[in-house]
N, C-alpha and C. Protein backbone atom coordinates (compact mmCIF):
# COMPACT_ATOMS: atom_id res chain seq x y z
N MET A 1 -8.79 67.59 -7.39
CA MET A 1 -9.15 68.12 -8.70
C MET A 1 -8.57 67.23 -9.78
N SER A 2 -9.34 66.97 -10.78
CA SER A 2 -8.91 66.10 -11.86
C SER A 2 -8.06 66.87 -12.87
N ASP A 3 -7.07 66.19 -13.44
CA ASP A 3 -6.24 66.80 -14.47
C ASP A 3 -6.85 66.64 -15.86
N CYS A 4 -7.92 65.88 -15.96
CA CYS A 4 -8.55 65.60 -17.26
C CYS A 4 -9.17 66.88 -17.82
N LEU A 5 -8.82 67.18 -19.07
CA LEU A 5 -9.33 68.38 -19.74
C LEU A 5 -10.85 68.36 -19.84
N PHE A 6 -11.40 67.19 -20.16
CA PHE A 6 -12.86 67.08 -20.32
C PHE A 6 -13.58 67.21 -18.98
N CYS A 7 -13.00 66.65 -17.91
CA CYS A 7 -13.61 66.76 -16.59
C CYS A 7 -13.59 68.21 -16.11
N ARG A 8 -12.47 68.91 -16.35
CA ARG A 8 -12.36 70.31 -15.91
C ARG A 8 -13.35 71.20 -16.63
N ARG A 9 -13.56 70.95 -17.92
CA ARG A 9 -14.49 71.78 -18.70
C ARG A 9 -15.93 71.31 -18.61
N GLY A 10 -16.15 70.16 -17.98
CA GLY A 10 -17.51 69.65 -17.83
C GLY A 10 -18.08 69.06 -19.11
N ILE A 11 -17.22 68.57 -19.98
CA ILE A 11 -17.66 67.97 -21.25
C ILE A 11 -18.00 66.51 -21.01
N ALA A 12 -19.23 66.12 -21.29
CA ALA A 12 -19.65 64.75 -21.05
C ALA A 12 -19.34 63.85 -22.25
N GLN A 13 -19.57 64.35 -23.46
CA GLN A 13 -19.37 63.56 -24.67
C GLN A 13 -18.22 64.12 -25.50
N VAL A 14 -17.46 63.22 -26.10
CA VAL A 14 -16.40 63.61 -27.03
C VAL A 14 -16.97 63.37 -28.42
N ASP A 15 -17.09 64.44 -29.20
CA ASP A 15 -17.75 64.34 -30.50
C ASP A 15 -16.73 64.07 -31.59
N TYR A 16 -17.05 63.15 -32.50
CA TYR A 16 -16.14 62.80 -33.60
C TYR A 16 -16.03 63.93 -34.62
N LYS A 17 -16.94 64.91 -34.56
CA LYS A 17 -16.92 66.01 -35.52
C LYS A 17 -15.95 67.13 -35.12
N HIS A 18 -15.42 67.09 -33.92
CA HIS A 18 -14.44 68.08 -33.46
C HIS A 18 -13.05 67.61 -33.90
N VAL A 19 -12.77 67.77 -35.18
CA VAL A 19 -11.56 67.22 -35.78
C VAL A 19 -10.31 67.89 -35.21
N ALA A 20 -10.35 69.17 -34.94
CA ALA A 20 -9.18 69.87 -34.41
C ALA A 20 -8.76 69.29 -33.06
N LEU A 21 -9.72 69.01 -32.20
CA LEU A 21 -9.43 68.42 -30.90
C LEU A 21 -8.85 67.02 -31.07
N LEU A 22 -9.46 66.23 -31.97
CA LEU A 22 -8.98 64.87 -32.17
C LEU A 22 -7.57 64.86 -32.75
N ARG A 23 -7.29 65.74 -33.70
CA ARG A 23 -5.94 65.80 -34.30
C ARG A 23 -4.90 66.21 -33.27
N SER A 24 -5.29 67.05 -32.33
CA SER A 24 -4.32 67.49 -31.32
C SER A 24 -3.91 66.34 -30.39
N GLU A 25 -4.72 65.31 -30.30
CA GLU A 25 -4.42 64.18 -29.43
C GLU A 25 -3.81 63.00 -30.18
N LEU A 26 -3.53 63.17 -31.48
CA LEU A 26 -2.88 62.13 -32.26
C LEU A 26 -1.40 62.45 -32.41
N ARG A 27 -0.58 61.40 -32.47
CA ARG A 27 0.85 61.59 -32.72
C ARG A 27 1.05 61.78 -34.22
N ASP A 28 2.30 62.03 -34.61
CA ASP A 28 2.62 62.25 -36.02
C ASP A 28 2.33 61.02 -36.88
N ASP A 29 2.46 59.84 -36.29
CA ASP A 29 2.21 58.63 -37.07
C ASP A 29 0.73 58.25 -37.10
N GLY A 30 -0.14 59.06 -36.50
CA GLY A 30 -1.58 58.84 -36.59
C GLY A 30 -2.17 58.03 -35.46
N THR A 31 -1.37 57.62 -34.50
CA THR A 31 -1.90 56.85 -33.39
C THR A 31 -2.28 57.77 -32.23
N LEU A 32 -3.16 57.31 -31.39
CA LEU A 32 -3.64 58.07 -30.25
C LEU A 32 -2.56 58.12 -29.18
N ARG A 33 -2.33 59.30 -28.61
CA ARG A 33 -1.33 59.43 -27.56
C ARG A 33 -1.77 58.70 -26.31
N ALA A 34 -0.82 58.29 -25.52
CA ALA A 34 -1.09 57.50 -24.32
C ALA A 34 -1.81 58.35 -23.26
N ARG A 35 -2.51 57.65 -22.40
CA ARG A 35 -3.28 58.32 -21.35
C ARG A 35 -2.39 59.07 -20.38
N ARG A 36 -1.22 58.54 -20.11
CA ARG A 36 -0.32 59.18 -19.15
C ARG A 36 0.26 60.48 -19.69
N THR A 37 0.33 60.62 -21.03
CA THR A 37 0.84 61.87 -21.60
C THR A 37 -0.26 62.90 -21.81
N THR A 38 -1.47 62.44 -22.13
CA THR A 38 -2.58 63.37 -22.33
C THR A 38 -3.22 63.78 -21.02
N ARG A 39 -3.04 62.94 -19.98
CA ARG A 39 -3.59 63.17 -18.64
C ARG A 39 -5.11 63.17 -18.62
N PHE A 40 -5.73 62.40 -19.55
CA PHE A 40 -7.17 62.23 -19.53
C PHE A 40 -7.52 61.11 -18.57
N CYS A 41 -8.72 61.18 -18.02
CA CYS A 41 -9.18 60.08 -17.17
C CYS A 41 -9.52 58.89 -18.06
N ARG A 42 -9.70 57.73 -17.45
CA ARG A 42 -9.94 56.50 -18.20
C ARG A 42 -11.21 56.60 -19.04
N LYS A 43 -12.25 57.16 -18.46
CA LYS A 43 -13.54 57.28 -19.15
C LYS A 43 -13.43 58.14 -20.40
N HIS A 44 -12.82 59.30 -20.28
CA HIS A 44 -12.73 60.21 -21.41
C HIS A 44 -11.71 59.74 -22.45
N HIS A 45 -10.66 59.04 -22.02
CA HIS A 45 -9.70 58.51 -23.00
C HIS A 45 -10.36 57.43 -23.84
N ALA A 46 -11.17 56.60 -23.24
CA ALA A 46 -11.89 55.57 -23.99
C ALA A 46 -12.87 56.21 -24.97
N ARG A 47 -13.57 57.25 -24.54
CA ARG A 47 -14.50 57.94 -25.43
C ARG A 47 -13.76 58.67 -26.55
N LEU A 48 -12.57 59.17 -26.25
CA LEU A 48 -11.75 59.81 -27.28
C LEU A 48 -11.32 58.79 -28.33
N ALA A 49 -10.96 57.59 -27.89
CA ALA A 49 -10.58 56.53 -28.83
C ALA A 49 -11.74 56.16 -29.75
N ILE A 50 -12.94 56.08 -29.20
CA ILE A 50 -14.12 55.77 -30.00
C ILE A 50 -14.39 56.89 -31.00
N ALA A 51 -14.23 58.15 -30.56
CA ALA A 51 -14.45 59.29 -31.45
C ALA A 51 -13.44 59.31 -32.59
N VAL A 52 -12.19 58.95 -32.31
CA VAL A 52 -11.17 58.88 -33.36
C VAL A 52 -11.53 57.80 -34.36
N LYS A 53 -11.98 56.65 -33.89
CA LYS A 53 -12.38 55.56 -34.78
C LYS A 53 -13.55 55.98 -35.67
N ARG A 54 -14.51 56.66 -35.08
CA ARG A 54 -15.66 57.13 -35.87
C ARG A 54 -15.23 58.18 -36.90
N ALA A 55 -14.34 59.09 -36.51
CA ALA A 55 -13.86 60.12 -37.44
C ALA A 55 -13.08 59.48 -38.59
N ARG A 56 -12.33 58.43 -38.30
CA ARG A 56 -11.61 57.73 -39.38
C ARG A 56 -12.59 57.04 -40.31
N PHE A 57 -13.63 56.45 -39.75
CA PHE A 57 -14.64 55.78 -40.57
C PHE A 57 -15.37 56.78 -41.48
N MET A 58 -15.61 57.98 -40.97
CA MET A 58 -16.30 59.02 -41.74
C MET A 58 -15.33 59.81 -42.63
N ALA A 59 -14.06 59.42 -42.65
CA ALA A 59 -13.00 60.04 -43.47
C ALA A 59 -12.71 61.48 -43.05
N LEU A 60 -12.92 61.79 -41.78
CA LEU A 60 -12.54 63.10 -41.27
C LEU A 60 -11.08 63.12 -40.82
N LEU A 61 -10.57 61.94 -40.49
CA LEU A 61 -9.16 61.76 -40.13
C LEU A 61 -8.57 60.70 -41.05
N PRO A 62 -7.27 60.74 -41.30
CA PRO A 62 -6.66 59.71 -42.15
C PRO A 62 -6.73 58.35 -41.47
N ALA A 63 -7.06 57.33 -42.25
CA ALA A 63 -7.21 56.00 -41.68
C ALA A 63 -5.89 55.25 -41.62
N GLU A 64 -4.94 55.60 -42.47
CA GLU A 64 -3.67 54.89 -42.52
C GLU A 64 -2.56 55.78 -42.00
N ARG A 65 -1.51 55.13 -41.56
CA ARG A 65 -0.34 55.86 -41.12
C ARG A 65 0.44 56.33 -42.34
N PRO A 66 1.16 57.43 -42.22
CA PRO A 66 2.00 57.85 -43.34
C PRO A 66 3.12 56.85 -43.56
N PRO A 67 3.59 56.68 -44.81
CA PRO A 67 4.64 55.68 -45.07
C PRO A 67 5.95 56.06 -44.39
N ARG A 68 6.67 55.02 -43.97
CA ARG A 68 7.97 55.23 -43.32
C ARG A 68 9.08 55.03 -44.34
N GLU A 69 10.22 55.62 -44.06
CA GLU A 69 11.40 55.38 -44.88
C GLU A 69 11.92 53.99 -44.54
N ILE A 70 12.14 53.17 -45.56
CA ILE A 70 12.61 51.81 -45.34
C ILE A 70 14.01 51.67 -45.92
N GLU A 71 14.93 51.15 -45.10
CA GLU A 71 16.28 50.90 -45.59
C GLU A 71 16.28 49.59 -46.35
N TRP A 72 16.87 49.61 -47.51
CA TRP A 72 16.97 48.36 -48.26
C TRP A 72 18.36 48.25 -48.81
N PRO A 73 19.06 47.22 -48.64
CA PRO A 73 18.68 46.01 -47.90
C PRO A 73 18.64 46.27 -46.41
N PRO A 74 17.84 45.47 -45.69
CA PRO A 74 17.69 45.70 -44.25
C PRO A 74 19.04 45.56 -43.54
N VAL A 75 19.28 46.45 -42.62
CA VAL A 75 20.51 46.47 -41.86
C VAL A 75 20.17 46.21 -40.41
N GLY A 76 20.99 45.44 -39.74
CA GLY A 76 20.76 45.26 -38.31
C GLY A 76 20.56 43.82 -37.93
N LYS A 77 19.38 43.47 -37.49
CA LYS A 77 19.12 42.14 -36.95
C LYS A 77 19.30 41.05 -38.00
N LYS A 78 19.95 39.97 -37.57
CA LYS A 78 20.08 38.80 -38.42
C LYS A 78 19.28 37.68 -37.78
N ARG A 79 18.76 36.81 -38.63
CA ARG A 79 18.00 35.68 -38.10
C ARG A 79 18.92 34.71 -37.40
N LYS A 80 18.52 34.26 -36.25
CA LYS A 80 19.30 33.28 -35.51
C LYS A 80 18.78 31.89 -35.85
N ARG A 81 19.72 30.98 -36.03
CA ARG A 81 19.33 29.59 -36.28
C ARG A 81 19.11 28.89 -34.96
N LYS A 82 18.26 27.89 -34.99
CA LYS A 82 18.02 27.10 -33.78
C LYS A 82 19.27 26.31 -33.44
N ALA A 83 19.50 26.13 -32.17
CA ALA A 83 20.68 25.39 -31.72
C ALA A 83 20.58 23.94 -32.16
N GLY A 84 21.69 23.40 -32.64
CA GLY A 84 21.73 21.99 -33.02
C GLY A 84 21.23 21.71 -34.42
N VAL A 85 20.85 22.70 -35.15
CA VAL A 85 20.36 22.49 -36.51
C VAL A 85 21.44 22.96 -37.47
N SER A 86 21.87 22.06 -38.33
CA SER A 86 22.89 22.44 -39.30
C SER A 86 22.23 22.80 -40.61
N ARG A 87 23.00 23.38 -41.49
CA ARG A 87 22.46 23.80 -42.77
C ARG A 87 22.29 22.61 -43.72
N GLU A 88 23.11 21.59 -43.54
CA GLU A 88 23.00 20.43 -44.42
C GLU A 88 21.88 19.54 -43.95
N ARG A 89 21.23 18.92 -44.89
CA ARG A 89 20.15 18.00 -44.54
C ARG A 89 20.72 16.68 -44.10
N SER A 90 20.14 16.13 -43.07
CA SER A 90 20.57 14.81 -42.63
C SER A 90 19.75 13.75 -43.34
N GLY A 91 20.27 12.57 -43.39
CA GLY A 91 19.56 11.52 -44.12
C GLY A 91 19.96 11.55 -45.57
N GLY A 92 19.63 10.61 -46.28
CA GLY A 92 20.04 10.61 -47.66
C GLY A 92 19.07 9.82 -48.51
N ALA A 93 19.29 9.96 -49.76
CA ALA A 93 18.47 9.17 -50.68
C ALA A 93 19.16 9.10 -52.00
């Protein structure tokens, strides 16, 4: 027996107009949840992705992700310099 919701219910097509269903499969940041977490089969997950794209195009779903909080100045990673390259320029004029 398949774990896919669409296979169990016998749904052949995923419609872009079923906004409630599409929203339930999106994460908070607006991206589609992974197949391993939704437990959809490959065929229906691909059709779900197409339906989400169509719903975004028709403005039924938000097209952009919500803004993130940005720390300023950035904290954490520093740029690494390449080995053997000094800050002073070599050569002269």
